Amino acid sequence: MRPEAELLLVNAKVTTLAADPDVAPEVDALAIRGGRVLFAGASADAREHATANTTVVDVGGRRVVPGLIDSHVHFVRAGLTWNDEVRWEDIADLATGLDRIARAAAQRPPGTWIRVIGGWHPGQCAERRGPTRDELDRAAPGHPVFLQCGYAWGMLNTRAMAEVDLARAVADGENPANVDTDGGVLRGMAALRWLYWRLPVPTLDEQVDSTAAASAEMSRRGLTGLIDGGGSNSGPDVYRAVYEAWRQNRLTVRTRLTVHSSKPGSEPEELPGYLRFLPPGLGDDMLRVLGMGEIVHYGVHDGIERDPRPSDRTLAELDQIFRDCLRENWPLQIHTIRPDTIELVLGRWERLDPDRIRRLRWSLVHGEGLDAGQVRRLRRLGAGVLAPAMLRFEGEDMTAAWTRDRAGFLPPLRELLDAGVPVGGGTDAMRVASYLPFTALHWYVTGRTVSGRRLSDHGNLLTRTEALRLYTERAAWFSFEEATRGRLEPGMLADLVVLDRDYFTVPEPEIPHLGSDLTLVGGRPTWASDAFAGAVPEG
């Protein structure tokens, strides 16, 4: 007698990405039991696992893919204020964005802050520009408004400028960064960080509700897992909300945490506390501590244009952090964009134990500046690269000299894959990019920015299957879960997405707009559209 299935998905187009040669790359049915795939194959054979207690769902010919994993996203930080923010990721013109601000203003008490904290770019708007302060004033005259575009700039409306007393702060030297007090514009990370510390902080209960809402939205978009990268302006105190959402069983996406210090200069004080009191691996299948990252030390936190010029003291502290993480068996992921920063990090890793680096799966985050020699060194170290689709937003703004001769190969995805270096896909959302996963897959496949301009060389583009692997089985490698997640074959976790359109056949311009009709984590629904509402028991 064949094992009984709890759930059958039939009449489907299932992309299995199977490593098992006995499982076809595409099948039309899945049988699920105990949160795992029991069978992947033909519908007639799958039905042999059905009994009177089995739920059978006819997928209607839809494409089913393994659950998507964003291997570099700033979910925890964004979750703290998710319910307070206005989303601009999918706007096509400023009128739509300003209308969303106006509707939020109409629904909220006068004087409350309205925030658009990244996730968009002027290039996606028909006007090819951001709003003016006057436009923000007209949209929400009774509210302070803050709108951010990546880490390039942020804008305050008139009410917000008064709330933070911007003119006085600049006059007194409290914020000596690049600030236009007439237009309400703050430019660069230093000026934006100054503002973040002055924005109102939701209560813990509000943060928990907000984190749960952010998790539900990730599920709606087809995500079943993510690796959180911490993020600027976050540290030990920001994790209370995600821990409480987990305890309340309100997380719908498998979340893997990396941790780091809260601000420049705090590394020697805060990082040893993590190493002593927070063992990697702590948690369960829904929430687990993974390791250290992405800002291992603010003194080497670079950008395409930003050269941190680390001091001797910074380098000594960085070396100590590396040694401490190896000693305590901590996986580590470090933000590196520029060629010189990558060289600095690789040179230090090569002085350490390569077997332990390989075993702990240390990785670079971004890696845009990698050259062929550095790719080979990564391979020898057994290290990986988390390569989020940041340049889909920032690529057209590159002016640094080092980018001119290699702009079409930032990062060198094809070279990394051909060399056998583990590569994970992601968005780098929420501030510098959209959290919508198929925007990243579109970038890997087309090399086009939000404005439609192709930046990537044709030889650096991926096939749709290769891009999907970056977001599934390859992403799972970075959390040591490639044997249990990222493929749909017997024994693997039943994390999957029933897509609203076929990723493999839609025209390229439609890829960014793909979504989920049904998302399952461990065989249980975390999101269902009207087409599948109630079709799968909650369990």
Protein backbone atom coordinates (compact mmCIF):
# COMPACT_ATOMS: atom_id res chain seq x y z
CA MET A 1 0.00 0.00 0.00
CA ARG A 2 1.35 3.40 -0.99
CA PRO A 3 1.85 6.03 1.75
CA GLU A 4 -1.20 8.23 2.25
CA ALA A 5 -0.90 11.86 1.16
CA GLU A 6 -2.45 14.71 3.09
CA LEU A 7 -2.49 16.97 0.03
CA LEU A 8 -2.36 16.44 -3.72
CA LEU A 9 -1.71 19.17 -6.27
CA VAL A 10 -2.78 17.94 -9.70
CA ASN A 11 -3.15 19.35 -13.22
CA ALA A 12 -0.07 21.50 -12.63
CA LYS A 13 3.16 22.45 -14.38
CA VAL A 14 5.61 21.77 -11.58
CA THR A 15 9.21 22.91 -12.00
CA THR A 16 11.00 20.52 -9.65
CA LEU A 17 14.67 21.61 -10.04
CA ALA A 18 15.23 18.03 -8.90
CA ALA A 19 18.69 16.64 -8.22
CA ASP A 20 17.24 13.11 -8.16
CA PRO A 21 17.57 11.68 -11.70
CA ASP A 22 14.39 9.67 -11.15
CA VAL A 23 12.36 12.90 -10.85
CA ALA A 24 11.66 14.76 -14.08
CA PRO A 25 12.48 18.50 -14.37
CA GLU A 26 8.75 19.12 -14.91
CA VAL A 27 5.86 17.03 -13.58
CA ASP A 28 2.12 17.60 -13.33
CA ALA A 29 1.44 16.55 -9.74
CA LEU A 30 2.79 16.61 -6.21
CA ALA A 31 1.81 14.54 -3.19
CA ILE A 32 2.56 16.04 0.23
CA ARG A 33 2.65 14.44 3.66
CA GLY A 34 4.02 15.66 6.99
CA GLY A 35 5.13 18.96 5.50
CA ARG A 36 7.32 17.30 2.88
CA VAL A 37 7.05 16.19 -0.73
CA LEU A 38 5.99 12.56 -0.82
CA PHE A 39 5.79 12.14 -4.60
CA ALA A 40 6.48 14.21 -7.72
CA GLY A 41 5.29 12.86 -11.03
CA ALA A 42 2.18 12.15 -13.06
CA SER A 43 -1.29 12.97 -11.73
CA ALA A 44 -2.49 9.40 -12.19
CA ASP A 45 0.36 8.07 -10.07
CA ALA A 46 -0.08 10.82 -7.49
CA ARG A 47 -3.73 9.85 -7.02
CA GLU A 48 -2.61 6.41 -5.87
CA HIS A 49 -1.48 8.19 -2.68
CA ALA A 50 -4.98 9.61 -2.12
CA THR A 51 -7.55 8.36 0.39
CA ALA A 52 -10.84 9.75 1.62
CA ASN A 53 -8.84 11.99 3.95
CA THR A 54 -6.65 13.51 1.24
CA THR A 55 -7.24 17.08 0.06
CA VAL A 56 -6.99 17.24 -3.73
CA VAL A 57 -6.40 20.62 -5.35
CA ASP A 58 -6.70 21.05 -9.10
CA VAL A 59 -4.17 23.77 -9.91
CA GLY A 60 -5.76 24.48 -13.29
CA GLY A 61 -2.61 24.17 -15.34
CA ARG A 62 -0.73 26.83 -13.38
CA ARG A 63 3.03 26.92 -12.97
CA VAL A 64 4.31 25.65 -9.61
CA VAL A 65 7.87 26.43 -8.51
CA PRO A 66 9.86 25.78 -5.34
CA GLY A 67 9.26 28.42 -2.69
CA LEU A 68 11.28 31.56 -3.31
CA ILE A 69 14.07 32.48 -0.88
CA ASP A 70 15.37 36.05 -0.77
CA SER A 71 18.93 35.47 0.40
CA HIS A 72 19.59 39.13 1.21
CA VAL A 73 16.79 41.37 2.42
CA HIS A 74 16.31 43.73 5.37
CA PHE A 75 13.05 42.29 6.62
CA VAL A 76 13.51 42.69 10.38
CA ARG A 77 14.26 46.41 10.18
CA ALA A 78 11.47 47.06 7.70
CA GLY A 79 9.01 45.08 9.78
CA LEU A 80 9.31 47.52 12.68
CA THR A 81 7.50 50.28 10.73
CA TRP A 82 5.80 48.34 7.92
CA ASN A 83 2.26 49.35 8.92
CA ASP A 84 3.29 53.01 9.15
CA GLU A 85 4.79 53.16 5.67
CA VAL A 86 3.37 53.94 2.25
CA ARG A 87 4.64 51.58 -0.45
CA TRP A 88 5.88 52.93 -3.78
CA GLU A 89 7.49 49.75 -5.16
CA ASP A 90 4.91 49.29 -7.92
CA ILE A 91 4.01 52.86 -8.89
CA ALA A 92 4.41 53.83 -12.55
CA ASP A 93 3.97 57.58 -12.09
CA LEU A 94 4.21 60.24 -9.38
CA ALA A 95 0.48 60.89 -9.39
CA THR A 96 -0.14 57.37 -8.12
CA GLY A 97 2.49 57.71 -5.42
CA LEU A 98 1.27 61.09 -4.25
CA ASP A 99 -2.31 59.80 -4.19
CA ARG A 100 -1.21 57.00 -1.86
CA ILE A 101 0.31 59.57 0.47
CA ALA A 102 -2.89 61.64 0.34
CA ARG A 103 -5.04 58.58 1.14
CA ALA A 104 -2.78 57.69 4.05
CA ALA A 105 -3.08 61.26 5.33
CA ALA A 106 -6.87 61.06 5.16
CA GLN A 107 -6.87 57.86 7.24
CA ARG A 108 -4.41 58.90 9.97
CA PRO A 109 -4.68 61.44 12.79
CA PRO A 110 -3.28 64.89 11.94
CA GLY A 111 0.35 65.28 12.86
CA THR A 112 1.32 61.60 12.49
CA TRP A 113 4.30 60.82 10.32
CA ILE A 114 3.88 59.40 6.82
CA ARG A 115 6.92 57.57 5.46
CA VAL A 116 8.00 56.16 2.11
CA ILE A 117 11.27 54.54 3.16
CA GLY A 118 12.80 53.40 -0.11
CA GLY A 119 11.88 50.56 -2.45
CA TRP A 120 11.40 52.81 -5.47
CA HIS A 121 13.41 54.88 -7.97
CA PRO A 122 12.53 57.90 -10.14
CA GLY A 123 13.42 55.82 -13.19
CA GLN A 124 10.27 53.74 -12.76
CA CYS A 125 8.05 56.84 -12.94
CA ALA A 126 6.75 58.26 -16.20
CA GLU A 127 8.02 61.69 -15.09
CA ARG A 128 11.56 60.31 -14.52
CA ARG A 129 11.89 62.37 -11.34
CA GLY A 130 10.98 62.37 -7.68
CA PRO A 131 8.38 64.66 -6.11
CA THR A 132 9.02 68.23 -4.98
CA ARG A 133 8.52 69.47 -1.43
CA ASP A 134 5.48 71.45 -2.62
CA GLU A 135 3.93 68.28 -4.02
CA LEU A 136 4.44 66.48 -0.71
CA ASP A 137 2.93 69.46 1.11
CA ARG A 138 -0.15 69.40 -1.09
CA ALA A 139 -0.56 65.63 -0.68
CA ALA A 140 -0.43 65.73 3.13
CA PRO A 141 -0.59 69.32 4.45
CA GLY A 142 -1.39 68.27 8.01
CA HIS A 143 1.29 65.59 8.31
CA PRO A 144 5.07 65.40 8.44
CA VAL A 145 6.18 63.38 5.39
CA PHE A 146 9.52 61.68 4.81
CA LEU A 147 10.28 60.12 1.42
CA GLN A 148 13.52 58.25 0.78
CA CYS A 149 15.18 57.17 -2.48
CA GLY A 150 17.75 54.49 -1.68
CA TYR A 151 20.62 55.98 0.28
CA ALA A 152 21.11 58.70 -2.31
CA TRP A 153 18.64 61.19 -0.86
CA GLY A 154 15.60 61.71 1.28
CA MET A 155 13.04 64.53 1.27
CA LEU A 156 11.05 66.15 4.06
CA ASN A 157 7.93 68.19 3.49
CA THR A 158 7.53 71.53 5.27
CA ARG A 159 5.78 70.05 8.31
CA ALA A 160 8.49 67.40 8.71
CA MET A 161 11.28 69.99 8.44
CA ALA A 162 9.69 71.84 11.34
CA GLU A 163 9.21 68.65 13.38
CA VAL A 164 12.94 67.82 13.32
CA ASP A 165 14.01 71.50 13.35
CA LEU A 166 16.17 70.87 10.32
CA ALA A 167 17.35 74.45 9.79
CA ARG A 168 18.57 74.74 13.40
CA ALA A 169 20.29 71.35 13.26
CA VAL A 170 22.25 72.37 10.18
CA ALA A 171 23.06 75.84 11.54
CA ASP A 172 24.36 74.36 14.82
CA GLY A 173 26.41 71.70 13.06
CA GLU A 174 24.31 68.91 14.55
CA ASN A 175 23.83 67.54 11.05
CA PRO A 176 26.85 68.72 9.05
CA ALA A 177 26.12 66.36 6.17
CA ASN A 178 24.83 67.37 2.74
CA VAL A 179 21.48 69.00 3.48
CA ASP A 180 19.40 71.44 1.42
CA THR A 181 17.35 73.33 4.02
CA ASP A 182 15.37 75.13 1.31
CA GLY A 183 14.23 72.01 -0.50
CA GLY A 184 14.15 69.72 2.54
CA VAL A 185 16.58 67.28 0.92
CA LEU A 186 19.11 65.16 2.84
CA ARG A 187 21.79 63.49 0.76
CA GLY A 188 23.81 60.44 1.68
CA MET A 189 23.76 57.83 4.41
CA ALA A 190 25.12 60.08 7.18
CA ALA A 191 22.35 62.65 6.77
CA LEU A 192 19.68 59.96 6.54
CA ARG A 193 21.00 58.17 9.61
CA TRP A 194 20.71 61.44 11.55
CA LEU A 195 17.05 61.62 10.57
CA TYR A 196 16.24 58.00 11.43
CA TRP A 197 17.11 58.59 15.08
CA ARG A 198 14.56 61.44 15.18
CA LEU A 199 11.58 59.58 13.75
CA PRO A 200 8.93 58.29 16.16
CA VAL A 201 9.34 54.67 17.26
CA PRO A 202 6.24 52.42 17.38
CA THR A 203 5.47 50.54 20.57
CA LEU A 204 6.57 46.92 20.83
CA ASP A 205 3.03 45.68 20.22
CA GLU A 206 2.81 47.87 17.12
CA GLN A 207 6.17 46.55 15.91
CA VAL A 208 5.01 42.95 16.36
CA ASP A 209 1.79 43.59 14.42
CA SER A 210 3.81 45.37 11.76
CA THR A 211 6.34 42.54 11.47
CA ALA A 212 3.52 40.01 11.09
CA ALA A 213 1.98 42.16 8.35
CA ALA A 214 5.31 42.37 6.53
CA SER A 215 5.68 38.59 6.75
CA ALA A 216 2.19 38.09 5.31
CA GLU A 217 3.06 40.40 2.42
CA MET A 218 6.21 38.40 1.68
CA SER A 219 4.05 35.27 1.50
CA ARG A 220 1.61 37.00 -0.83
CA ARG A 221 4.49 37.68 -3.20
CA GLY A 222 5.67 34.04 -3.24
CA LEU A 223 8.43 34.10 -0.64
CA THR A 224 8.75 31.10 1.65
CA GLY A 225 12.13 32.01 3.12
CA LEU A 226 14.60 34.83 3.58
CA ILE A 227 17.98 35.68 5.03
CA ASP A 228 17.84 38.96 6.89
CA GLY A 229 20.89 41.19 6.45
CA GLY A 230 20.43 43.36 9.53
CA GLY A 231 21.00 46.81 8.09
CA SER A 232 22.22 50.28 8.94
CA ASN A 233 20.59 51.80 12.01
CA SER A 234 19.76 48.40 13.49
CA GLY A 235 21.43 46.43 16.23
CA PRO A 236 20.69 44.22 19.23
CA ASP A 237 17.52 46.10 20.21
CA VAL A 238 15.64 45.60 16.92
CA TYR A 239 15.09 41.84 17.22
CA ARG A 240 12.47 41.90 19.99
CA ALA A 241 9.60 42.33 17.52
CA VAL A 242 10.57 39.46 15.22
CA TYR A 243 11.18 37.17 18.22
CA GLU A 244 7.75 38.02 19.62
CA ALA A 245 6.04 37.53 16.24
CA TRP A 246 7.73 34.12 16.10
CA ARG A 247 6.60 33.23 19.62
CA GLN A 248 3.05 34.17 18.68
CA ASN A 249 3.27 31.91 15.60
CA ARG A 250 2.73 34.89 13.29
CA LEU A 251 5.75 34.46 11.03
CA THR A 252 4.76 32.99 7.67
CA VAL A 253 8.22 33.04 6.03
CA ARG A 254 11.19 30.97 7.18
CA THR A 255 13.47 33.68 8.56
CA ARG A 256 17.23 33.37 9.02
CA LEU A 257 18.90 36.13 11.01
CA THR A 258 22.33 37.70 10.67
CA VAL A 259 23.30 40.17 13.36
CA HIS A 260 25.66 43.12 13.71
CA SER A 261 26.28 46.25 15.76
CA SER A 262 23.95 49.22 15.80
CA LYS A 263 26.23 52.12 14.81
CA PRO A 264 29.82 53.03 13.98
CA GLY A 265 32.13 52.60 16.95
CA SER A 266 29.90 50.14 18.78
CA GLU A 267 31.46 47.01 17.25
CA PRO A 268 33.94 46.24 20.08
CA GLU A 269 31.17 46.50 22.66
CA GLU A 270 28.21 44.83 20.94
CA LEU A 271 29.68 42.06 18.81
CA PRO A 272 31.30 40.14 21.70
CA GLY A 273 27.86 40.00 23.34
CA TYR A 274 26.42 38.24 20.32
CA LEU A 275 29.32 35.79 20.26
CA ARG A 276 28.96 34.95 23.95
CA PHE A 277 25.19 34.79 24.35
CA LEU A 278 23.59 34.07 20.97
CA PRO A 279 24.75 30.77 19.47
CA PRO A 280 24.25 30.34 15.72
CA GLY A 281 21.56 27.79 14.99
CA LEU A 282 19.35 28.94 17.87
CA GLY A 283 15.69 28.72 16.91
CA ASP A 284 13.54 26.41 14.81
CA ASP A 285 12.49 25.91 11.20
CA MET A 286 10.58 29.22 11.11
CA LEU A 287 13.15 31.47 12.83
CA ARG A 288 16.82 30.70 13.30
CA VAL A 289 19.99 32.66 14.06
CA LEU A 290 22.33 32.13 11.12
CA GLY A 291 25.45 34.19 11.83
CA MET A 292 27.20 37.56 11.64
CA GLY A 293 26.53 40.16 8.93
CA GLU A 294 26.12 42.12 6.81
CA ILE A 295 27.82 45.15 8.39
CA VAL A 296 30.64 43.31 10.11
CA HIS A 297 32.39 46.66 10.72
CA TYR A 298 31.09 50.08 9.75
CA GLY A 299 34.62 51.20 9.00
CA VAL A 300 34.74 48.99 5.89
CA HIS A 301 31.09 49.45 4.86
CA ASP A 302 31.53 50.67 1.30
CA GLY A 303 29.39 51.63 -1.68
CA ILE A 304 29.83 51.96 -5.41
CA GLU A 305 30.97 55.54 -4.94
CA ARG A 306 31.70 55.43 -1.18
CA ASP A 307 35.29 54.53 -0.26
CA PRO A 308 35.41 54.02 3.53
CA ARG A 309 39.23 54.36 3.66
CA PRO A 310 39.53 52.15 6.74
CA SER A 311 41.98 53.19 9.46
CA ASP A 312 44.62 50.94 10.99
CA ARG A 313 42.40 50.65 14.05
CA THR A 314 39.45 49.56 11.91
CA LEU A 315 41.53 46.90 10.22
CA ALA A 316 42.82 45.59 13.53
CA GLU A 317 39.25 45.38 14.86
CA LEU A 318 38.09 43.68 11.66
CA ASP A 319 40.84 41.07 11.97
CA GLN A 320 39.78 40.42 15.55
CA ILE A 321 36.14 39.98 14.52
CA PHE A 322 37.14 37.46 11.87
CA ARG A 323 39.25 35.50 14.35
CA ASP A 324 36.52 35.59 17.00
CA CYS A 325 33.86 34.37 14.55
CA LEU A 326 36.05 31.48 13.45
CA ARG A 327 36.83 30.55 17.04
CA GLU A 328 33.13 30.55 18.00
CA ASN A 329 32.06 28.78 14.76
CA TRP A 330 30.00 31.67 13.43
CA PRO A 331 28.96 31.84 9.77
CA LEU A 332 29.73 35.32 8.43
CA GLN A 333 28.47 37.46 5.55
CA ILE A 334 30.18 40.78 4.84
CA HIS A 335 29.08 43.69 2.67
CA THR A 336 31.69 44.28 -0.05
CA ILE A 337 31.08 46.20 -3.28
CA ARG A 338 34.28 47.90 -4.42
CA PRO A 339 37.26 45.98 -5.83
CA ASP A 340 39.56 47.37 -3.13
CA THR A 341 37.20 46.36 -0.31
CA ILE A 342 36.87 42.87 -1.77
CA GLU A 343 40.66 42.63 -2.00
CA LEU A 344 41.00 43.77 1.61
CA VAL A 345 38.59 41.10 2.86
CA LEU A 346 39.89 38.23 0.71
CA GLY A 347 43.47 38.96 1.72
CA ARG A 348 42.53 38.67 5.37
CA TRP A 349 40.49 35.52 4.88
CA GLU A 350 43.42 33.87 3.13
CA ARG A 351 45.50 34.27 6.31
CA LEU A 352 42.93 32.25 8.24
CA ASP A 353 41.95 28.57 8.25
CA PRO A 354 40.40 27.91 4.79
CA ASP A 355 38.78 24.66 5.91
CA ARG A 356 36.82 26.45 8.63
CA ILE A 357 35.84 29.28 6.27
CA ARG A 358 34.52 26.66 3.84
CA ARG A 359 32.69 24.76 6.57
CA LEU A 360 31.09 27.93 7.95
CA ARG A 361 30.21 29.14 4.43
CA TRP A 362 31.57 32.66 4.81
CA SER A 363 30.29 34.87 2.01
CA LEU A 364 30.56 38.26 0.39
CA VAL A 365 27.41 40.32 0.08
CA HIS A 366 27.09 42.18 -3.27
CA GLY A 367 30.49 41.50 -4.86
CA GLU A 368 29.92 43.86 -7.78
CA GLY A 369 33.64 44.68 -8.02
CA LEU A 370 34.85 41.08 -8.29
CA ASP A 371 37.45 40.36 -10.97
CA ALA A 372 38.43 37.01 -12.47
CA GLY A 373 41.32 36.45 -10.07
CA GLN A 374 39.16 37.17 -7.04
CA VAL A 375 36.50 34.77 -8.32
CA ARG A 376 39.13 32.00 -8.43
CA ARG A 377 40.26 32.86 -4.89
CA LEU A 378 36.67 32.68 -3.64
CA ARG A 379 36.40 29.25 -5.19
CA ARG A 380 39.56 28.08 -3.43
CA LEU A 381 38.25 29.40 -0.11
CA GLY A 382 34.89 27.68 -0.60
CA ALA A 383 33.17 31.02 0.07
CA GLY A 384 29.98 32.27 -1.56
CA VAL A 385 28.49 35.48 -2.92
CA LEU A 386 25.08 36.88 -2.11
CA ALA A 387 24.31 38.91 -5.23
CA PRO A 388 21.12 40.95 -4.77
CA ALA A 389 19.71 42.86 -7.72
CA MET A 390 20.72 46.27 -6.35
CA LEU A 391 21.90 47.61 -9.70
CA ARG A 392 18.40 47.30 -11.10
CA PHE A 393 17.87 50.50 -9.13
CA GLU A 394 21.32 52.07 -8.80
CA GLY A 395 23.04 50.93 -11.98
CA GLU A 396 22.28 53.97 -14.10
CA ASP A 397 23.69 56.29 -11.42
CA MET A 398 27.17 54.73 -11.38
CA THR A 399 29.99 57.22 -11.98
CA ALA A 400 32.91 55.63 -10.11
CA ALA A 401 35.97 55.11 -12.28
CA TRP A 402 36.25 51.41 -11.45
CA THR A 403 32.83 50.69 -12.95
CA ARG A 404 33.49 52.06 -16.43
CA ASP A 405 35.27 49.09 -17.96
CA ARG A 406 33.21 46.41 -16.22
CA ALA A 407 29.71 47.88 -15.97
CA GLY A 408 28.21 44.98 -17.91
CA PHE A 409 29.58 42.43 -15.44
CA LEU A 410 28.60 43.86 -12.06
CA PRO A 411 28.62 41.39 -10.43
CA PRO A 412 30.12 38.76 -12.76
CA LEU A 413 27.28 36.27 -12.36
CA ARG A 414 28.17 34.05 -15.28
CA GLU A 415 31.82 33.85 -14.27
CA LEU A 416 30.87 33.02 -10.66
CA LEU A 417 28.51 30.24 -11.71
CA ASP A 418 30.96 28.80 -14.23
CA ALA A 419 33.66 28.77 -11.52
CA GLY A 420 31.39 26.86 -9.14
CA VAL A 421 31.16 29.64 -6.56
CA PRO A 422 27.88 29.45 -4.60
CA VAL A 423 25.66 32.41 -5.55
CA GLY A 424 22.39 33.42 -3.92
CA GLY A 425 19.75 35.75 -5.32
CA GLY A 426 17.91 38.49 -3.52
CA THR A 427 16.60 42.03 -3.58
CA ASP A 428 18.49 44.02 -0.90
CA ALA A 429 15.11 45.54 -0.07
CA MET A 430 13.61 47.52 1.58
CA ARG A 431 15.44 50.86 1.35
CA VAL A 432 17.58 50.49 -1.77
CA ALA A 433 15.36 48.16 -3.79
CA SER A 434 11.92 46.63 -4.19
CA TYR A 435 11.03 43.58 -2.08
CA LEU A 436 9.05 42.07 -4.98
CA PRO A 437 11.04 38.91 -5.79
CA PHE A 438 10.39 38.76 -9.50
CA THR A 439 11.94 42.19 -9.98
CA ALA A 440 15.24 40.55 -9.01
CA LEU A 441 14.69 37.57 -11.29
CA HIS A 442 13.92 40.00 -14.11
CA TRP A 443 17.27 41.71 -13.50
CA TYR A 444 19.20 38.43 -13.64
CA VAL A 445 17.46 37.44 -16.87
CA THR A 446 17.44 40.79 -18.72
CA GLY A 447 20.01 43.04 -17.05
CA ARG A 448 17.52 45.92 -17.34
CA THR A 449 17.08 48.72 -14.80
CA VAL A 450 13.74 50.04 -13.55
CA SER A 451 13.71 52.49 -16.46
CA GLY A 452 14.18 49.66 -18.98
CA ARG A 453 17.79 50.35 -19.90
CA ARG A 454 19.96 47.26 -20.36
CA LEU A 455 23.19 47.46 -18.35
CA SER A 456 24.38 43.86 -18.23
CA ASP A 457 26.42 42.40 -21.04
CA HIS A 458 24.55 39.64 -22.87
CA GLY A 459 27.19 37.15 -21.73
CA ASN A 460 26.44 37.95 -18.09
CA LEU A 461 22.71 37.21 -18.30
CA LEU A 462 21.12 34.10 -16.83
CA THR A 463 18.44 31.84 -18.23
CA ARG A 464 15.11 31.84 -16.44
CA THR A 465 15.91 28.47 -14.90
CA GLU A 466 19.31 29.66 -13.68
CA ALA A 467 17.75 32.76 -12.14
CA LEU A 468 15.13 30.64 -10.40
CA ARG A 469 17.85 28.41 -8.96
CA LEU A 470 19.53 31.49 -7.44
CA TYR A 471 16.26 32.15 -5.62
CA THR A 472 15.63 28.58 -4.47
CA GLU A 473 18.18 25.79 -4.04
CA ARG A 474 21.25 28.04 -4.37
CA ALA A 475 19.86 30.51 -1.84
CA ALA A 476 19.24 27.63 0.57
CA TRP A 477 22.98 26.81 0.56
CA PHE A 478 23.74 29.97 2.52
CA SER A 479 21.62 28.80 5.46
CA PHE A 480 22.93 25.20 5.28
CA GLU A 481 19.55 23.96 4.00
CA GLU A 482 20.16 22.94 0.40
CA ALA A 483 19.36 19.32 1.30
CA THR A 484 15.89 20.22 2.57
CA ARG A 485 14.70 23.33 0.73
CA GLY A 486 14.70 24.75 -2.77
CA ARG A 487 13.65 21.71 -4.82
CA LEU A 488 10.40 19.78 -5.21
CA GLU A 489 11.30 16.13 -4.97
CA PRO A 490 10.53 13.41 -2.41
CA GLY A 491 11.90 14.18 1.04
CA MET A 492 12.22 17.94 0.52
CA LEU A 493 10.15 20.43 2.48
CA ALA A 494 6.88 21.26 0.74
CA ASP A 495 7.65 24.96 0.35
CA LEU A 496 6.18 26.02 -2.99
CA VAL A 497 4.42 28.72 -4.98
CA VAL A 498 1.54 28.40 -7.43
CA LEU A 499 2.19 31.38 -9.69
CA ASP A 500 -0.51 33.65 -11.09
CA ARG A 501 1.20 33.50 -14.51
CA ASP A 502 3.80 31.21 -16.02
CA TYR A 503 7.28 32.56 -15.27
CA PHE A 504 8.76 30.54 -18.13
CA THR A 505 6.45 31.79 -20.88
CA VAL A 506 5.36 35.35 -20.04
CA PRO A 507 7.08 38.11 -22.04
CA GLU A 508 10.14 39.51 -20.27
CA PRO A 509 8.50 42.85 -19.36
CA GLU A 510 5.85 40.96 -17.37
CA ILE A 511 8.30 39.06 -15.16
CA PRO A 512 8.59 41.79 -12.47
CA HIS A 513 4.82 41.73 -11.97
CA LEU A 514 4.43 38.00 -11.32
CA GLY A 515 2.87 36.96 -8.03
CA SER A 516 1.46 34.04 -6.11
CA ASP A 517 -2.00 32.50 -6.25
CA LEU A 518 -1.04 30.03 -3.51
CA THR A 519 2.00 29.87 -1.23
CA LEU A 520 2.69 26.82 0.93
CA VAL A 521 5.30 26.50 3.69
CA GLY A 522 5.68 22.96 4.90
CA GLY A 523 2.56 22.06 2.94
CA ARG A 524 0.45 24.65 4.80
CA PRO A 525 -0.97 27.77 3.17
CA THR A 526 0.58 31.10 4.08
CA TRP A 527 -1.22 32.93 1.28
CA ALA A 528 -4.11 32.10 -1.05
CA SER A 529 -5.74 34.29 -3.68
CA ASP A 530 -9.47 34.15 -4.30
CA ALA A 531 -8.81 31.32 -6.76
CA PHE A 532 -7.60 29.05 -3.93
CA ALA A 533 -9.22 30.52 -0.82
CA GLY A 534 -10.02 27.63 1.53
CA ALA A 535 -8.73 25.03 -0.92
CA VAL A 536 -5.93 23.88 1.40
CA PRO A 537 -6.62 23.26 5.11
CA GLU A 538 -4.74 25.54 7.50
CA GLY A 539 -3.52 22.55 9.51
